[in-house]
């Protein structure tokens, strides 16, 4: 599942005067997927069906 817009990530990296490696966006996407899963688990453990900013 794609959570990042590759062109936007590359643009943001470029603003820091850096280049974006070919595998960076895929790794970033996996990291985001794990963050979402962790946030959902935290919300569930607090008996909520809504994920909030405090769950991140």
PDB file of N, CA and C in Angstrom:
ATOM      1  N   UNK A   1       0.848  -1.171   0.000  1.00  0.00           N
ATOM      2  CA  UNK A   1       0.000   0.000   0.000  1.00  0.00           C
ATOM      3  C   UNK A   1       0.899   1.242   0.000  1.00  0.00           C
ATOM      4  N   UNK A   2       0.614   2.170  -0.868  1.00  0.00           N
ATOM      5  CA  UNK A   2       1.448   3.376  -0.986  1.00  0.00           C
ATOM      6  C   UNK A   2       0.906   4.485  -0.083  1.00  0.00           C
ATOM      7  N   UNK A   3       1.716   4.901   0.866  1.00  0.00           N
ATOM      8  CA  UNK A   3       1.333   5.961   1.793  1.00  0.00           C
ATOM      9  C   UNK A   3       2.043   7.271   1.478  1.00  0.00           C
ATOM     10  N   UNK A   4       3.035   7.216   0.637  1.00  0.00           N
ATOM     11  CA  UNK A   4       3.800   8.420   0.320  1.00  0.00           C
ATOM     12  C   UNK A   4       3.667   8.758  -1.165  1.00  0.00           C
ATOM     13  N   UNK A   5       3.718  10.036  -1.437  1.00  0.00           N
ATOM     14  CA  UNK A   5       3.740  10.515  -2.819  1.00  0.00           C
ATOM     15  C   UNK A   5       5.216  10.743  -3.150  1.00  0.00           C
ATOM     16  N   UNK A   6       5.758   9.881  -3.990  1.00  0.00           N
ATOM     17  CA  UNK A   6       7.193   9.870  -4.273  1.00  0.00           C
ATOM     18  C   UNK A   6       7.691  11.240  -4.711  1.00  0.00           C
ATOM     19  N   UNK A   7       6.970  11.891  -5.597  1.00  0.00           N
ATOM     20  CA  UNK A   7       7.419  13.203  -6.088  1.00  0.00           C
ATOM     21  C   UNK A   7       7.498  14.226  -4.958  1.00  0.00           C
ATOM     22  N   UNK A   8       6.572  14.152  -4.016  1.00  0.00           N
ATOM     23  CA  UNK A   8       6.571  15.097  -2.891  1.00  0.00           C
ATOM     24  C   UNK A   8       7.727  14.797  -1.923  1.00  0.00           C
ATOM     25  N   UNK A   9       8.002  13.522  -1.721  1.00  0.00           N
ATOM     26  CA  UNK A   9       9.126  13.143  -0.854  1.00  0.00           C
ATOM     27  C   UNK A   9      10.433  13.633  -1.470  1.00  0.00           C
ATOM     28  N   UNK A  10      10.597  13.385  -2.764  1.00  0.00           N
ATOM     29  CA  UNK A  10      11.821  13.807  -3.448  1.00  0.00           C
ATOM     30  C   UNK A  10      11.972  15.325  -3.405  1.00  0.00           C
ATOM     31  N   UNK A  11      10.871  16.042  -3.564  1.00  0.00           N
ATOM     32  CA  UNK A  11      10.902  17.506  -3.510  1.00  0.00           C
ATOM     33  C   UNK A  11      11.337  17.985  -2.122  1.00  0.00           C
ATOM     34  N   UNK A  12      10.820  17.358  -1.084  1.00  0.00           N
ATOM     35  CA  UNK A  12      11.179  17.730   0.284  1.00  0.00           C
ATOM     36  C   UNK A  12      12.641  17.440   0.567  1.00  0.00           C
ATOM     37  N   UNK A  13      13.127  16.292   0.115  1.00  0.00           N
ATOM     38  CA  UNK A  13      14.537  15.941   0.291  1.00  0.00           C
ATOM     39  C   UNK A  13      15.410  16.958  -0.450  1.00  0.00           C
ATOM     40  N   UNK A  14      14.995  17.323  -1.650  1.00  0.00           N
ATOM     41  CA  UNK A  14      15.732  18.282  -2.475  1.00  0.00           C
ATOM     42  C   UNK A  14      15.852  19.641  -1.778  1.00  0.00           C
ATOM     43  N   UNK A  15      14.819  20.042  -1.025  1.00  0.00           N
ATOM     44  CA  UNK A  15      14.844  21.312  -0.289  1.00  0.00           C
ATOM     45  C   UNK A  15      15.980  21.345   0.732  1.00  0.00           C
ATOM     46  N   UNK A  16      16.399  20.169   1.166  1.00  0.00           N
ATOM     47  CA  UNK A  16      17.509  20.049   2.113  1.00  0.00           C
ATOM     48  C   UNK A  16      18.834  19.837   1.389  1.00  0.00           C
ATOM     49  N   UNK A  17      18.802  20.091   0.072  1.00  0.00           N
ATOM     50  CA  UNK A  17      19.988  19.969  -0.781  1.00  0.00           C
ATOM     51  C   UNK A  17      20.602  18.566  -0.746  1.00  0.00           C
ATOM     52  N   UNK A  18      19.705  17.565  -0.767  1.00  0.00           N
ATOM     53  CA  UNK A  18      20.120  16.166  -0.774  1.00  0.00           C
ATOM     54  C   UNK A  18      19.416  15.453  -1.913  1.00  0.00           C
ATOM     55  N   UNK A  19      19.916  14.266  -2.254  1.00  0.00           N
ATOM     56  CA  UNK A  19      19.282  13.416  -3.259  1.00  0.00           C
ATOM     57  C   UNK A  19      18.565  12.272  -2.559  1.00  0.00           C
ATOM     58  N   UNK A  20      17.597  11.710  -3.245  1.00  0.00           N
ATOM     59  CA  UNK A  20      16.771  10.637  -2.689  1.00  0.00           C
ATOM     60  C   UNK A  20      17.162   9.313  -3.343  1.00  0.00           C
ATOM     61  N   UNK A  21      17.631   8.363  -2.550  1.00  0.00           N
ATOM     62  CA  UNK A  21      17.999   7.042  -3.064  1.00  0.00           C
ATOM     63  C   UNK A  21      16.771   6.291  -3.542  1.00  0.00           C
ATOM     64  N   UNK A  22      16.952   5.386  -4.469  1.00  0.00           N
ATOM     65  CA  UNK A  22      15.854   4.645  -5.056  1.00  0.00           C
ATOM     66  C   UNK A  22      15.022   3.846  -4.071  1.00  0.00           C
ATOM     67  N   UNK A  23      15.629   3.378  -2.989  1.00  0.00           N
ATOM     68  CA  UNK A  23      14.918   2.558  -2.014  1.00  0.00           C
ATOM     69  C   UNK A  23      14.364   3.365  -0.838  1.00  0.00           C
ATOM     70  N   UNK A  24      14.639   4.667  -0.805  1.00  0.00           N
ATOM     71  CA  UNK A  24      14.231   5.489   0.329  1.00  0.00           C
ATOM     72  C   UNK A  24      12.713   5.550   0.483  1.00  0.00           C
ATOM     73  N   UNK A  25      11.994   5.808  -0.599  1.00  0.00           N
ATOM     74  CA  UNK A  25      10.533   5.954  -0.514  1.00  0.00           C
ATOM     75  C   UNK A  25       9.865   4.646  -0.098  1.00  0.00           C
ATOM     76  N   UNK A  26      10.386   3.530  -0.557  1.00  0.00           N
ATOM     77  CA  UNK A  26       9.838   2.231  -0.155  1.00  0.00           C
ATOM     78  C   UNK A  26      10.058   1.999   1.340  1.00  0.00           C
ATOM     79  N   UNK A  27      11.241   2.323   1.828  1.00  0.00           N
ATOM     80  CA  UNK A  27      11.532   2.174   3.259  1.00  0.00           C
ATOM     81  C   UNK A  27      10.666   3.118   4.091  1.00  0.00           C
ATOM     82  N   UNK A  28      10.488   4.332   3.601  1.00  0.00           N
ATOM     83  CA  UNK A  28       9.648   5.308   4.292  1.00  0.00           C
ATOM     84  C   UNK A  28       8.202   4.811   4.353  1.00  0.00           C
ATOM     85  N   UNK A  29       7.719   4.236   3.267  1.00  0.00           N
ATOM     86  CA  UNK A  29       6.364   3.700   3.221  1.00  0.00           C
ATOM     87  C   UNK A  29       6.185   2.579   4.257  1.00  0.00           C
ATOM     88  N   UNK A  30       7.170   1.701   4.370  1.00  0.00           N
ATOM     89  CA  UNK A  30       7.104   0.611   5.353  1.00  0.00           C
ATOM     90  C   UNK A  30       7.100   1.160   6.777  1.00  0.00           C
ATOM     91  N   UNK A  31       7.890   2.203   7.005  1.00  0.00           N
ATOM     92  CA  UNK A  31       7.949   2.832   8.326  1.00  0.00           C
ATOM     93  C   UNK A  31       6.586   3.436   8.688  1.00  0.00           C
ATOM     94  N   UNK A  32       5.960   4.092   7.717  1.00  0.00           N
ATOM     95  CA  UNK A  32       4.644   4.691   7.945  1.00  0.00           C
ATOM     96  C   UNK A  32       3.606   3.601   8.226  1.00  0.00           C
ATOM     97  N   UNK A  33       3.659   2.505   7.482  1.00  0.00           N
ATOM     98  CA  UNK A  33       2.737   1.389   7.700  1.00  0.00           C
ATOM     99  C   UNK A  33       2.859   0.877   9.137  1.00  0.00           C
ATOM    100  N   UNK A  34       4.087   0.755   9.639  1.00  0.00           N
ATOM    101  CA  UNK A  34       4.302   0.279  11.005  1.00  0.00           C
ATOM    102  C   UNK A  34       3.804   1.297  12.022  1.00  0.00           C
ATOM    103  N   UNK A  35       4.012   2.578  11.749  1.00  0.00           N
ATOM    104  CA  UNK A  35       3.519   3.632  12.648  1.00  0.00           C
ATOM    105  C   UNK A  35       1.989   3.600  12.730  1.00  0.00           C
ATOM    106  N   UNK A  36       1.336   3.377  11.604  1.00  0.00           N
ATOM    107  CA  UNK A  36      -0.126   3.286  11.591  1.00  0.00           C
ATOM    108  C   UNK A  36      -0.581   2.086  12.414  1.00  0.00           C
ATOM    109  N   UNK A  37       0.052   0.943  12.204  1.00  0.00           N
ATOM    110  CA  UNK A  37      -0.310  -0.271  12.941  1.00  0.00           C
ATOM    111  C   UNK A  37      -0.127  -0.072  14.445  1.00  0.00           C
ATOM    112  N   UNK A  38       0.973   0.561  14.846  1.00  0.00           N
ATOM    113  CA  UNK A  38       1.230   0.826  16.262  1.00  0.00           C
ATOM    114  C   UNK A  38       0.183   1.778  16.841  1.00  0.00           C
ATOM    115  N   UNK A  39      -0.188   2.787  16.069  1.00  0.00           N
ATOM    116  CA  UNK A  39      -1.186   3.758  16.524  1.00  0.00           C
ATOM    117  C   UNK A  39      -2.556   3.113  16.677  1.00  0.00           C
ATOM    118  N   UNK A  40      -2.912   2.256  15.741  1.00  0.00           N
ATOM    119  CA  UNK A  40      -4.188   1.536  15.818  1.00  0.00           C
ATOM    120  C   UNK A  40      -4.202   0.629  17.049  1.00  0.00           C
ATOM    121  N   UNK A  41      -3.113  -0.066  17.287  1.00  0.00           N
ATOM    122  CA  UNK A  41      -3.025  -0.949  18.454  1.00  0.00           C
ATOM    123  C   UNK A  41      -3.176  -0.161  19.747  1.00  0.00           C
ATOM    124  N   UNK A  42      -2.571   1.016  19.810  1.00  0.00           N
ATOM    125  CA  UNK A  42      -2.676   1.849  21.016  1.00  0.00           C
ATOM    126  C   UNK A  42      -4.112   2.314  21.226  1.00  0.00           C
ATOM    127  N   UNK A  43      -4.771   2.735  20.153  1.00  0.00           N
ATOM    128  CA  UNK A  43      -6.166   3.165  20.258  1.00  0.00           C
ATOM    129  C   UNK A  43      -7.055   2.002  20.722  1.00  0.00           C
ATOM    130  N   UNK A  44      -6.836   0.818  20.146  1.00  0.00           N
ATOM    131  CA  UNK A  44      -7.620  -0.352  20.545  1.00  0.00           C
ATOM    132  C   UNK A  44      -7.387  -0.701  22.008  1.00  0.00           C
ATOM    133  N   UNK A  45      -6.142  -0.585  22.459  1.00  0.00           N
ATOM    134  CA  UNK A  45      -5.841  -0.919  23.857  1.00  0.00           C
ATOM    135  C   UNK A  45      -6.496   0.063  24.822  1.00  0.00           C
ATOM    136  N   UNK A  46      -6.869   1.233  24.313  1.00  0.00           N
ATOM    137  CA  UNK A  46      -7.579   2.227  25.122  1.00  0.00           C
ATOM    138  C   UNK A  46      -9.084   2.201  24.844  1.00  0.00           C
ATOM    139  N   UNK A  47      -9.548   1.097  24.263  1.00  0.00           N
ATOM    140  CA  UNK A  47     -10.971   0.895  23.958  1.00  0.00           C
ATOM    141  C   UNK A  47     -11.573   2.011  23.109  1.00  0.00           C
ATOM    142  N   UNK A  48     -10.808   2.461  22.107  1.00  0.00           N
ATOM    143  CA  UNK A  48     -11.300   3.485  21.190  1.00  0.00           C
ATOM    144  C   UNK A  48     -11.319   2.927  19.788  1.00  0.00           C
ATOM    145  N   UNK A  49     -12.217   3.489  18.973  1.00  0.00           N
ATOM    146  CA  UNK A  49     -12.272   3.142  17.552  1.00  0.00           C
ATOM    147  C   UNK A  49     -11.720   4.270  16.713  1.00  0.00           C
ATOM    148  N   UNK A  50     -11.254   5.313  17.369  1.00  0.00           N
ATOM    149  CA  UNK A  50     -10.696   6.472  16.669  1.00  0.00           C
ATOM    150  C   UNK A  50      -9.217   6.600  17.005  1.00  0.00           C
ATOM    151  N   UNK A  51      -8.397   6.678  15.983  1.00  0.00           N
ATOM    152  CA  UNK A  51      -6.968   6.889  16.168  1.00  0.00           C
ATOM    153  C   UNK A  51      -6.747   8.394  16.242  1.00  0.00           C
ATOM    154  N   UNK A  52      -6.042   8.837  17.274  1.00  0.00           N
ATOM    155  CA  UNK A  52      -5.805  10.268  17.478  1.00  0.00           C
ATOM    156  C   UNK A  52      -4.312  10.573  17.426  1.00  0.00           C
ATOM    157  N   UNK A  53      -4.013  11.848  17.388  1.00  0.00           N
ATOM    158  CA  UNK A  53      -2.601  12.266  17.282  1.00  0.00           C
ATOM    159  C   UNK A  53      -1.769  11.745  18.450  1.00  0.00           C
ATOM    160  N   UNK A  54      -2.357  11.608  19.601  1.00  0.00           N
ATOM    161  CA  UNK A  54      -1.628  11.092  20.766  1.00  0.00           C
ATOM    162  C   UNK A  54      -1.232   9.627  20.639  1.00  0.00           C
ATOM    163  N   UNK A  55      -1.797   8.938  19.677  1.00  0.00           N
ATOM    164  CA  UNK A  55      -1.475   7.524  19.461  1.00  0.00           C
ATOM    165  C   UNK A  55      -0.200   7.332  18.642  1.00  0.00           C
ATOM    166  N   UNK A  56       0.266   8.404  18.033  1.00  0.00           N
ATOM    167  CA  UNK A  56       1.461   8.307  17.176  1.00  0.00           C
ATOM    168  C   UNK A  56       2.701   8.166  18.035  1.00  0.00           C
TER     169      UNK A  56
END
